[in-house]
N, C-alpha and C. Protein backbone atom coordinates (compact mmCIF):
# COMPACT_ATOMS: atom_id res chain seq x y z
N MET A 1 221.55 231.17 294.09
CA MET A 1 220.48 230.19 294.01
C MET A 1 219.26 230.82 293.33
N LYS A 2 218.53 229.97 292.64
CA LYS A 2 217.38 230.41 291.86
C LYS A 2 216.30 231.08 292.72
N TYR A 3 216.12 230.62 293.96
CA TYR A 3 215.01 231.08 294.78
C TYR A 3 215.45 231.95 295.96
N ASP A 4 216.53 232.70 295.85
CA ASP A 4 217.05 233.49 296.98
C ASP A 4 216.00 234.43 297.57
N LYS A 5 215.33 235.21 296.73
CA LYS A 5 214.34 236.16 297.23
C LYS A 5 213.16 235.43 297.88
N LEU A 6 212.70 234.37 297.24
CA LEU A 6 211.59 233.59 297.78
C LEU A 6 211.94 232.96 299.13
N ILE A 7 213.16 232.48 299.26
CA ILE A 7 213.60 231.89 300.53
C ILE A 7 213.66 232.95 301.62
N SER A 8 214.20 234.12 301.31
CA SER A 8 214.27 235.20 302.30
C SER A 8 212.88 235.62 302.76
N GLU A 9 211.96 235.82 301.81
CA GLU A 9 210.58 236.20 302.15
C GLU A 9 209.89 235.10 302.96
N SER A 10 210.08 233.86 302.53
CA SER A 10 209.46 232.72 303.21
C SER A 10 209.97 232.58 304.63
N ALA A 11 211.28 232.70 304.81
CA ALA A 11 211.87 232.59 306.14
C ALA A 11 211.32 233.67 307.06
N ALA A 12 211.22 234.89 306.56
CA ALA A 12 210.68 235.99 307.37
C ALA A 12 209.24 235.71 307.77
N ASN A 13 208.43 235.23 306.83
CA ASN A 13 207.04 234.91 307.14
C ASN A 13 206.94 233.77 308.16
N LEU A 14 207.74 232.74 308.00
CA LEU A 14 207.71 231.61 308.92
C LEU A 14 208.14 232.02 310.32
N VAL A 15 209.20 232.81 310.41
CA VAL A 15 209.68 233.29 311.71
C VAL A 15 208.61 234.14 312.39
N ASN A 16 207.82 234.86 311.62
CA ASN A 16 206.72 235.67 312.17
C ASN A 16 205.45 234.87 312.43
N GLY A 17 205.55 233.54 312.38
CA GLY A 17 204.43 232.69 312.75
C GLY A 17 203.41 232.44 311.67
N LYS A 18 203.74 232.74 310.42
CA LYS A 18 202.79 232.54 309.34
C LYS A 18 202.99 231.17 308.69
N SER A 19 201.92 230.66 308.10
CA SER A 19 202.01 229.43 307.31
C SER A 19 202.04 229.83 305.84
N ILE A 20 202.73 229.02 305.05
CA ILE A 20 202.94 229.36 303.64
C ILE A 20 202.53 228.19 302.77
N LEU A 21 201.77 228.46 301.73
CA LEU A 21 201.37 227.45 300.76
C LEU A 21 202.23 227.59 299.52
N PHE A 22 202.80 226.46 299.09
CA PHE A 22 203.60 226.41 297.87
C PHE A 22 202.97 225.41 296.92
N PRO A 23 202.54 225.85 295.73
CA PRO A 23 202.04 224.88 294.75
C PRO A 23 203.21 224.27 293.97
N PHE A 24 203.23 222.96 293.90
CA PHE A 24 204.20 222.25 293.09
C PHE A 24 203.44 221.53 291.98
N SER A 25 204.15 220.97 291.03
CA SER A 25 203.49 220.34 289.90
C SER A 25 202.67 219.12 290.31
N THR A 26 203.09 218.37 291.31
CA THR A 26 202.36 217.16 291.70
C THR A 26 201.76 217.24 293.09
N SER A 27 202.06 218.29 293.82
CA SER A 27 201.53 218.40 295.18
C SER A 27 201.36 219.87 295.56
N ILE A 28 200.68 220.07 296.66
CA ILE A 28 200.55 221.39 297.27
C ILE A 28 201.05 221.22 298.69
N ASP A 29 202.04 222.01 299.08
CA ASP A 29 202.62 221.90 300.41
C ASP A 29 202.33 223.15 301.22
N ILE A 30 201.96 222.95 302.47
CA ILE A 30 201.83 224.06 303.41
C ILE A 30 202.91 223.88 304.45
N LEU A 31 203.74 224.91 304.61
CA LEU A 31 204.85 224.88 305.57
C LEU A 31 204.56 225.83 306.72
N CYS A 32 204.95 225.42 307.91
CA CYS A 32 204.91 226.30 309.07
C CYS A 32 206.01 225.84 310.02
N THR A 33 206.32 226.65 311.00
CA THR A 33 207.30 226.21 311.99
C THR A 33 206.66 225.15 312.87
N ILE A 34 207.47 224.37 313.55
CA ILE A 34 206.90 223.29 314.38
C ILE A 34 206.15 223.85 315.58
N GLN A 35 206.32 225.14 315.88
CA GLN A 35 205.62 225.75 317.00
C GLN A 35 204.22 226.23 316.63
N LYS A 36 203.92 226.34 315.33
CA LYS A 36 202.63 226.89 314.91
C LYS A 36 201.53 225.86 315.07
N GLU A 37 200.46 226.27 315.72
CA GLU A 37 199.29 225.41 315.83
C GLU A 37 198.53 225.49 314.51
N PHE A 38 198.43 224.39 313.83
CA PHE A 38 197.81 224.38 312.51
C PHE A 38 197.12 223.03 312.38
N GLU A 39 195.84 223.02 312.46
CA GLU A 39 195.10 221.76 312.46
C GLU A 39 194.42 221.55 311.12
N ILE A 40 194.95 220.64 310.34
CA ILE A 40 194.48 220.42 308.98
C ILE A 40 193.16 219.66 308.95
N GLN A 41 192.86 218.87 309.97
CA GLN A 41 191.67 218.05 309.95
C GLN A 41 190.38 218.87 310.05
N THR A 42 190.47 220.15 310.31
CA THR A 42 189.26 220.96 310.49
C THR A 42 188.65 221.44 309.18
N ILE A 43 189.26 221.12 308.04
CA ILE A 43 188.72 221.61 306.78
C ILE A 43 188.17 220.46 305.95
N GLU A 44 187.30 220.81 305.03
CA GLU A 44 186.82 219.84 304.05
C GLU A 44 187.53 220.12 302.74
N LEU A 45 188.21 219.11 302.23
CA LEU A 45 188.94 219.26 300.99
C LEU A 45 188.07 218.87 299.80
N GLU A 46 188.34 219.51 298.68
CA GLU A 46 187.66 219.14 297.45
C GLU A 46 188.07 217.71 297.09
N PRO A 47 187.22 216.98 296.37
CA PRO A 47 187.53 215.58 296.04
C PRO A 47 188.81 215.42 295.22
N GLU A 48 189.19 216.45 294.48
CA GLU A 48 190.38 216.32 293.63
C GLU A 48 191.68 216.67 294.35
N ILE A 49 191.61 217.05 295.61
CA ILE A 49 192.82 217.32 296.39
C ILE A 49 192.84 216.34 297.55
N LEU A 50 193.85 215.53 297.63
CA LEU A 50 193.92 214.46 298.62
C LEU A 50 194.98 214.76 299.67
N TYR A 51 194.59 214.70 300.96
CA TYR A 51 195.55 214.88 302.04
C TYR A 51 196.53 213.72 302.01
N LYS A 52 197.80 214.03 302.01
CA LYS A 52 198.81 212.99 301.86
C LYS A 52 199.57 212.75 303.15
N SER A 53 200.17 213.79 303.73
CA SER A 53 201.02 213.53 304.89
C SER A 53 201.34 214.80 305.66
N LYS A 54 201.81 214.57 306.89
CA LYS A 54 202.34 215.63 307.74
C LYS A 54 203.75 215.17 308.11
N THR A 55 204.76 215.98 307.76
CA THR A 55 206.15 215.58 307.92
C THR A 55 206.96 216.71 308.53
N VAL A 56 207.83 216.37 309.47
CA VAL A 56 208.77 217.33 310.04
C VAL A 56 210.03 217.29 309.16
N LEU A 57 210.41 218.46 308.65
CA LEU A 57 211.60 218.56 307.78
C LEU A 57 212.79 219.05 308.59
N VAL A 58 213.89 218.32 308.49
CA VAL A 58 215.15 218.72 309.11
C VAL A 58 216.21 218.77 308.02
N SER A 59 217.32 219.46 308.29
CA SER A 59 218.33 219.60 307.25
C SER A 59 219.55 218.71 307.43
N THR A 60 219.74 218.16 308.62
CA THR A 60 220.92 217.33 308.86
C THR A 60 220.58 216.19 309.83
N VAL A 61 221.47 215.21 309.89
CA VAL A 61 221.31 214.12 310.86
C VAL A 61 221.42 214.69 312.27
N GLN A 62 222.29 215.66 312.48
CA GLN A 62 222.44 216.27 313.81
C GLN A 62 221.14 216.93 314.25
N MET A 63 220.46 217.61 313.35
CA MET A 63 219.18 218.23 313.69
C MET A 63 218.14 217.15 314.00
N LEU A 64 218.13 216.09 313.22
CA LEU A 64 217.21 214.98 313.47
C LEU A 64 217.42 214.40 314.86
N LYS A 65 218.66 214.22 315.26
CA LYS A 65 218.98 213.62 316.56
C LYS A 65 218.52 214.46 317.74
N GLN A 66 218.25 215.73 317.53
CA GLN A 66 217.73 216.59 318.61
C GLN A 66 216.27 216.26 318.92
N TYR A 67 215.60 215.51 318.04
CA TYR A 67 214.16 215.27 318.19
C TYR A 67 213.77 213.80 318.30
N VAL A 68 214.74 212.91 318.22
CA VAL A 68 214.47 211.48 318.42
C VAL A 68 215.44 210.95 319.46
N LYS A 69 214.98 209.96 320.23
CA LYS A 69 215.78 209.48 321.36
C LYS A 69 217.00 208.69 320.93
N LYS A 70 216.86 207.86 319.88
CA LYS A 70 217.96 206.98 319.52
C LYS A 70 217.90 206.65 318.04
N ILE A 71 219.06 206.70 317.41
CA ILE A 71 219.21 206.24 316.03
C ILE A 71 220.38 205.26 316.03
N HIS A 72 220.14 204.08 315.51
CA HIS A 72 221.20 203.07 315.43
C HIS A 72 222.37 203.64 314.63
N PRO A 73 223.62 203.40 315.06
CA PRO A 73 224.78 203.96 314.35
C PRO A 73 224.83 203.61 312.86
N ARG A 74 224.41 202.41 312.49
CA ARG A 74 224.40 202.05 311.06
C ARG A 74 223.38 202.90 310.29
N ILE A 75 222.23 203.17 310.92
CA ILE A 75 221.21 204.00 310.28
C ILE A 75 221.72 205.43 310.16
N GLU A 76 222.38 205.91 311.21
CA GLU A 76 222.94 207.26 311.17
C GLU A 76 223.94 207.40 310.02
N THR A 77 224.81 206.41 309.86
CA THR A 77 225.78 206.44 308.76
C THR A 77 225.06 206.42 307.42
N PHE A 78 224.05 205.57 307.30
CA PHE A 78 223.26 205.51 306.07
C PHE A 78 222.65 206.87 305.75
N LEU A 79 222.08 207.53 306.77
CA LEU A 79 221.42 208.83 306.56
C LEU A 79 222.40 209.91 306.14
N VAL A 80 223.61 209.85 306.64
CA VAL A 80 224.63 210.84 306.26
C VAL A 80 224.91 210.77 304.77
N TYR A 81 224.92 209.56 304.21
CA TYR A 81 225.28 209.38 302.80
C TYR A 81 224.08 209.25 301.86
N ASN A 82 222.89 209.06 302.40
CA ASN A 82 221.70 208.92 301.57
C ASN A 82 221.33 210.26 300.93
N THR A 83 221.02 210.24 299.64
CA THR A 83 220.60 211.46 298.95
C THR A 83 219.22 211.33 298.33
N ARG A 84 218.56 210.21 298.54
CA ARG A 84 217.22 209.99 297.99
C ARG A 84 216.17 210.41 299.01
N PRO A 85 214.99 210.81 298.54
CA PRO A 85 213.92 211.20 299.47
C PRO A 85 213.50 210.01 300.34
N LEU A 86 213.61 210.17 301.66
CA LEU A 86 213.28 209.11 302.60
C LEU A 86 212.63 209.73 303.83
N THR A 87 211.41 209.31 304.11
CA THR A 87 210.71 209.74 305.31
C THR A 87 210.82 208.63 306.34
N LEU A 88 211.25 208.98 307.54
CA LEU A 88 211.39 208.01 308.62
C LEU A 88 210.28 208.20 309.63
N VAL A 89 209.70 207.11 310.08
CA VAL A 89 208.62 207.15 311.06
C VAL A 89 209.22 206.77 312.42
N PHE A 90 209.18 207.70 313.36
CA PHE A 90 209.74 207.48 314.70
C PHE A 90 208.61 207.37 315.72
N ASN A 91 208.76 206.41 316.63
CA ASN A 91 207.78 206.29 317.71
C ASN A 91 208.34 206.82 319.02
N ASN A 92 209.50 207.44 318.96
CA ASN A 92 210.13 207.95 320.18
C ASN A 92 210.58 209.40 320.06
N PRO A 93 209.72 210.28 319.54
CA PRO A 93 210.16 211.67 319.41
C PRO A 93 210.18 212.39 320.76
N HIS A 94 211.01 213.41 320.83
CA HIS A 94 210.99 214.30 321.99
C HIS A 94 211.33 215.70 321.51
N ASN A 95 211.04 216.67 322.34
CA ASN A 95 211.26 218.09 322.01
C ASN A 95 210.41 218.56 320.83
N LEU A 96 209.33 217.86 320.54
CA LEU A 96 208.44 218.27 319.46
C LEU A 96 207.06 218.57 320.04
N PRO A 97 206.42 219.63 319.56
CA PRO A 97 205.05 219.93 320.01
C PRO A 97 204.08 218.84 319.55
N PRO A 98 202.97 218.68 320.25
CA PRO A 98 201.98 217.66 319.87
C PRO A 98 201.47 217.79 318.44
N ALA A 99 201.44 219.00 317.89
CA ALA A 99 200.95 219.19 316.52
C ALA A 99 201.77 218.42 315.49
N CYS A 100 203.00 218.07 315.82
CA CYS A 100 203.87 217.35 314.88
C CYS A 100 203.58 215.85 314.85
N LEU A 101 202.90 215.34 315.86
CA LEU A 101 202.67 213.91 315.98
C LEU A 101 201.36 213.50 315.34
N ASN A 102 201.29 212.26 314.88
CA ASN A 102 200.01 211.76 314.38
C ASN A 102 199.19 211.26 315.56
N LYS A 103 198.01 210.73 315.29
CA LYS A 103 197.10 210.33 316.37
C LYS A 103 197.68 209.21 317.24
N LYS A 104 198.58 208.42 316.71
CA LYS A 104 199.18 207.32 317.48
C LYS A 104 200.45 207.74 318.21
N GLY A 105 200.85 209.01 318.09
CA GLY A 105 202.04 209.50 318.77
C GLY A 105 203.33 209.34 317.99
N TYR A 106 203.23 208.95 316.72
CA TYR A 106 204.40 208.82 315.87
C TYR A 106 204.66 210.14 315.16
N VAL A 107 205.88 210.30 314.68
CA VAL A 107 206.22 211.47 313.89
C VAL A 107 206.91 211.01 312.61
N HIS A 108 206.56 211.63 311.49
CA HIS A 108 207.24 211.38 310.22
C HIS A 108 208.26 212.50 310.06
N MET A 109 209.52 212.11 309.84
CA MET A 109 210.59 213.10 309.70
C MET A 109 211.39 212.81 308.43
N ARG A 110 211.85 213.87 307.80
CA ARG A 110 212.65 213.73 306.58
C ARG A 110 213.83 214.69 306.62
N ILE A 111 215.00 214.16 306.30
CA ILE A 111 216.16 215.02 306.07
C ILE A 111 216.05 215.48 304.62
N VAL A 112 215.85 216.78 304.43
CA VAL A 112 215.63 217.29 303.08
C VAL A 112 216.95 217.45 302.35
N HIS A 113 216.93 217.12 301.07
CA HIS A 113 218.14 217.21 300.25
C HIS A 113 218.01 218.22 299.13
N GLU A 114 216.78 218.51 298.71
CA GLU A 114 216.65 219.46 297.61
C GLU A 114 216.89 220.87 298.14
N ASP A 115 217.45 221.71 297.29
CA ASP A 115 217.97 223.02 297.70
C ASP A 115 216.95 223.93 298.39
N PHE A 116 215.74 224.02 297.84
CA PHE A 116 214.79 224.98 298.37
C PHE A 116 214.47 224.73 299.84
N HIS A 117 213.98 223.53 300.15
CA HIS A 117 213.60 223.23 301.53
C HIS A 117 214.80 223.19 302.46
N LYS A 118 215.91 222.65 302.01
CA LYS A 118 217.12 222.56 302.85
C LYS A 118 217.60 223.96 303.23
N THR A 119 217.65 224.86 302.26
CA THR A 119 218.09 226.24 302.53
C THR A 119 217.12 226.94 303.47
N LEU A 120 215.84 226.70 303.29
CA LEU A 120 214.83 227.32 304.14
C LEU A 120 214.96 226.82 305.59
N VAL A 121 215.10 225.52 305.79
CA VAL A 121 215.28 224.97 307.14
C VAL A 121 216.56 225.53 307.77
N ASN A 122 217.64 225.57 307.01
CA ASN A 122 218.91 226.10 307.53
C ASN A 122 218.80 227.58 307.89
N LYS A 123 218.11 228.36 307.07
CA LYS A 123 217.96 229.79 307.33
C LYS A 123 217.19 230.04 308.62
N ILE A 124 216.16 229.23 308.88
CA ILE A 124 215.36 229.38 310.09
C ILE A 124 216.08 228.79 311.30
N GLY A 125 216.83 227.72 311.08
CA GLY A 125 217.63 227.14 312.16
C GLY A 125 216.93 226.07 312.98
N HIS A 126 215.72 225.70 312.60
CA HIS A 126 215.03 224.60 313.28
C HIS A 126 214.05 223.96 312.29
N PRO A 127 213.51 222.80 312.65
CA PRO A 127 212.65 222.07 311.71
C PRO A 127 211.40 222.83 311.29
N LEU A 128 210.88 222.42 310.15
CA LEU A 128 209.61 222.92 309.66
C LEU A 128 208.61 221.77 309.61
N LEU A 129 207.34 222.11 309.76
CA LEU A 129 206.27 221.13 309.63
C LEU A 129 205.63 221.33 308.27
N MET A 130 205.59 220.25 307.48
CA MET A 130 205.04 220.33 306.13
C MET A 130 203.80 219.44 306.03
N TYR A 131 202.71 220.05 305.60
CA TYR A 131 201.50 219.32 305.26
C TYR A 131 201.50 219.21 303.74
N SER A 132 201.42 218.00 303.23
CA SER A 132 201.51 217.79 301.80
C SER A 132 200.21 217.20 301.27
N PHE A 133 199.77 217.72 300.13
CA PHE A 133 198.53 217.29 299.50
C PHE A 133 198.85 216.88 298.07
N LYS A 134 198.34 215.75 297.68
CA LYS A 134 198.55 215.26 296.32
C LYS A 134 197.59 215.98 295.38
N ARG A 135 198.11 216.39 294.24
CA ARG A 135 197.26 217.05 293.23
C ARG A 135 196.90 216.04 292.15
N THR A 136 195.65 216.05 291.79
CA THR A 136 195.23 215.25 290.64
C THR A 136 195.26 216.17 289.42
N GLU A 137 195.08 215.60 288.26
CA GLU A 137 195.06 216.44 287.06
C GLU A 137 193.93 217.45 287.12
N GLN A 138 192.80 217.08 287.70
CA GLN A 138 191.67 218.00 287.82
C GLN A 138 192.03 219.18 288.72
N SER A 139 192.75 218.92 289.81
CA SER A 139 193.05 220.01 290.75
C SER A 139 194.04 221.01 290.17
N ASN A 140 194.90 220.57 289.26
CA ASN A 140 195.85 221.50 288.66
C ASN A 140 195.11 222.64 287.95
N GLU A 141 194.04 222.31 287.26
CA GLU A 141 193.26 223.34 286.57
C GLU A 141 192.37 224.11 287.54
N LEU A 142 191.74 223.44 288.45
CA LEU A 142 190.81 224.09 289.36
C LEU A 142 191.48 225.11 290.27
N THR A 143 192.64 224.78 290.82
CA THR A 143 193.27 225.68 291.78
C THR A 143 193.79 226.94 291.12
N CYS A 144 194.00 226.90 289.84
CA CYS A 144 194.44 228.11 289.14
C CYS A 144 193.27 229.08 288.96
N ARG A 145 192.05 228.56 288.79
CA ARG A 145 190.90 229.41 288.53
C ARG A 145 190.15 229.83 289.78
N HIS A 146 190.03 228.93 290.75
CA HIS A 146 189.20 229.19 291.92
C HIS A 146 189.97 228.93 293.20
N PRO A 147 190.04 229.92 294.10
CA PRO A 147 190.68 229.63 295.38
C PRO A 147 189.89 228.53 296.10
N THR A 148 190.57 227.52 296.57
CA THR A 148 189.92 226.42 297.26
C THR A 148 190.09 226.59 298.76
N SER A 149 189.42 225.74 299.52
CA SER A 149 189.58 225.79 300.97
C SER A 149 191.04 225.55 301.35
N LEU A 150 191.72 224.77 300.56
CA LEU A 150 193.14 224.51 300.83
C LEU A 150 193.95 225.79 300.68
N PHE A 151 193.70 226.53 299.63
CA PHE A 151 194.43 227.77 299.41
C PHE A 151 194.08 228.81 300.47
N ASN A 152 192.89 228.72 301.05
CA ASN A 152 192.48 229.66 302.09
C ASN A 152 193.04 229.31 303.46
N LEU A 153 193.63 228.14 303.61
CA LEU A 153 194.19 227.73 304.90
C LEU A 153 195.43 228.51 305.30
N ALA A 154 196.29 228.77 304.34
CA ALA A 154 197.59 229.36 304.65
C ALA A 154 197.50 230.88 304.78
N ASP A 155 198.41 231.44 305.58
CA ASP A 155 198.48 232.89 305.73
C ASP A 155 199.04 233.55 304.48
N VAL A 156 200.00 232.88 303.83
CA VAL A 156 200.66 233.41 302.64
C VAL A 156 200.57 232.33 301.56
N VAL A 157 200.17 232.73 300.35
CA VAL A 157 200.08 231.79 299.23
C VAL A 157 200.98 232.28 298.11
N TYR A 158 201.91 231.44 297.69
CA TYR A 158 202.73 231.76 296.53
C TYR A 158 202.06 231.16 295.32
N GLN A 159 201.76 231.97 294.34
CA GLN A 159 201.03 231.52 293.16
C GLN A 159 201.93 230.85 292.14
N GLU A 160 203.21 231.24 292.11
CA GLU A 160 204.11 230.65 291.12
C GLU A 160 204.38 229.20 291.50
N GLU A 161 204.17 228.32 290.54
CA GLU A 161 204.39 226.90 290.79
C GLU A 161 205.89 226.63 290.80
N LEU A 162 206.34 226.00 291.87
CA LEU A 162 207.74 225.62 291.98
C LEU A 162 207.91 224.22 291.42
N SER A 163 209.14 223.90 291.03
CA SER A 163 209.36 222.56 290.49
C SER A 163 209.96 221.67 291.57
N LYS A 164 209.60 220.42 291.53
CA LYS A 164 210.12 219.40 292.43
C LYS A 164 210.73 218.31 291.58
N HIS A 165 211.70 217.61 292.15
CA HIS A 165 212.27 216.47 291.45
C HIS A 165 211.29 215.31 291.58
N THR A 166 210.46 215.11 290.56
CA THR A 166 209.43 214.08 290.64
C THR A 166 209.90 212.75 290.08
N HIS A 167 211.06 212.71 289.44
CA HIS A 167 211.52 211.46 288.84
C HIS A 167 212.18 210.53 289.87
N ILE A 168 212.46 211.02 291.07
CA ILE A 168 213.07 210.19 292.10
C ILE A 168 211.97 209.63 292.99
N SER A 169 211.93 208.32 293.12
CA SER A 169 210.88 207.73 293.94
C SER A 169 211.13 208.00 295.42
N HIS A 170 210.05 208.24 296.13
CA HIS A 170 210.10 208.57 297.55
C HIS A 170 209.78 207.31 298.34
N ARG A 171 210.50 207.09 299.43
CA ARG A 171 210.28 205.91 300.27
C ARG A 171 209.98 206.35 301.69
N THR A 172 209.26 205.48 302.43
CA THR A 172 208.99 205.68 303.84
C THR A 172 209.47 204.44 304.58
N ALA A 173 210.09 204.65 305.72
CA ALA A 173 210.62 203.53 306.49
C ALA A 173 210.37 203.75 307.98
N THR A 174 210.31 202.66 308.71
CA THR A 174 210.24 202.69 310.16
C THR A 174 211.34 201.76 310.68
N PHE A 175 211.33 201.45 311.95
CA PHE A 175 212.41 200.67 312.54
C PHE A 175 211.85 199.45 313.26
N ASN A 176 212.61 198.34 313.23
CA ASN A 176 212.22 197.17 314.02
C ASN A 176 212.84 197.29 315.42
N ALA A 177 212.65 196.28 316.25
CA ALA A 177 213.12 196.32 317.64
C ALA A 177 214.63 196.45 317.74
N GLU A 178 215.35 195.96 316.75
CA GLU A 178 216.82 196.06 316.76
C GLU A 178 217.33 197.37 316.18
N GLY A 179 216.42 198.23 315.72
CA GLY A 179 216.82 199.52 315.16
C GLY A 179 217.13 199.47 313.68
N GLU A 180 216.81 198.36 313.01
CA GLU A 180 217.04 198.23 311.58
C GLU A 180 215.88 198.86 310.81
N LEU A 181 216.17 199.37 309.60
CA LEU A 181 215.14 199.97 308.76
C LEU A 181 214.19 198.93 308.19
N ILE A 182 212.92 199.26 308.19
CA ILE A 182 211.90 198.46 307.53
C ILE A 182 211.19 199.40 306.56
N PHE A 183 211.33 199.14 305.27
CA PHE A 183 210.70 199.99 304.26
C PHE A 183 209.23 199.64 304.14
N LEU A 184 208.39 200.67 304.11
CA LEU A 184 206.95 200.49 304.02
C LEU A 184 206.52 200.66 302.58
N ASP A 185 205.52 199.89 302.16
CA ASP A 185 204.98 200.05 300.82
C ASP A 185 204.11 201.27 300.77
N HIS A 186 204.06 201.92 299.61
CA HIS A 186 203.16 203.06 299.42
C HIS A 186 201.85 202.59 298.91
């Protein structure tokens, strides 16, 4: 794999309780284990960097089921075969620290399909918490020249920009009372 050394270093840092910042072409992600206390609301972000989301990353449906009370069998089958980026909003999480939940007690979870994050989650053996920030064109230039408060948040910062599959649209969904998917607009 292209990122073998980076994954090994990242896994070691995460297991040792460190948070890691990864710059991507369209976003900046900070990863930490779900046990790490990391409060993003305590910083002031520059206007060109926008806080986007907090998501728990899992690598399989089986791992997801360890943290949510119930998944409808049809949804479970869909998730096994789905290969597109999909974040699910659950209102019934369990076995997750409070830092993973939003203010209303919901959790956003994603089964990762791209190699880098999936391999990293599998290597660690449990979910990761990802804070994602959208980059504007202005921030792409600024973050290269000046360390920002965002870059100062993480314990470890990787300067090399990683690539993400940006051509695939990302969706977010929640569930109705019958357990059926309801896709949310972005």
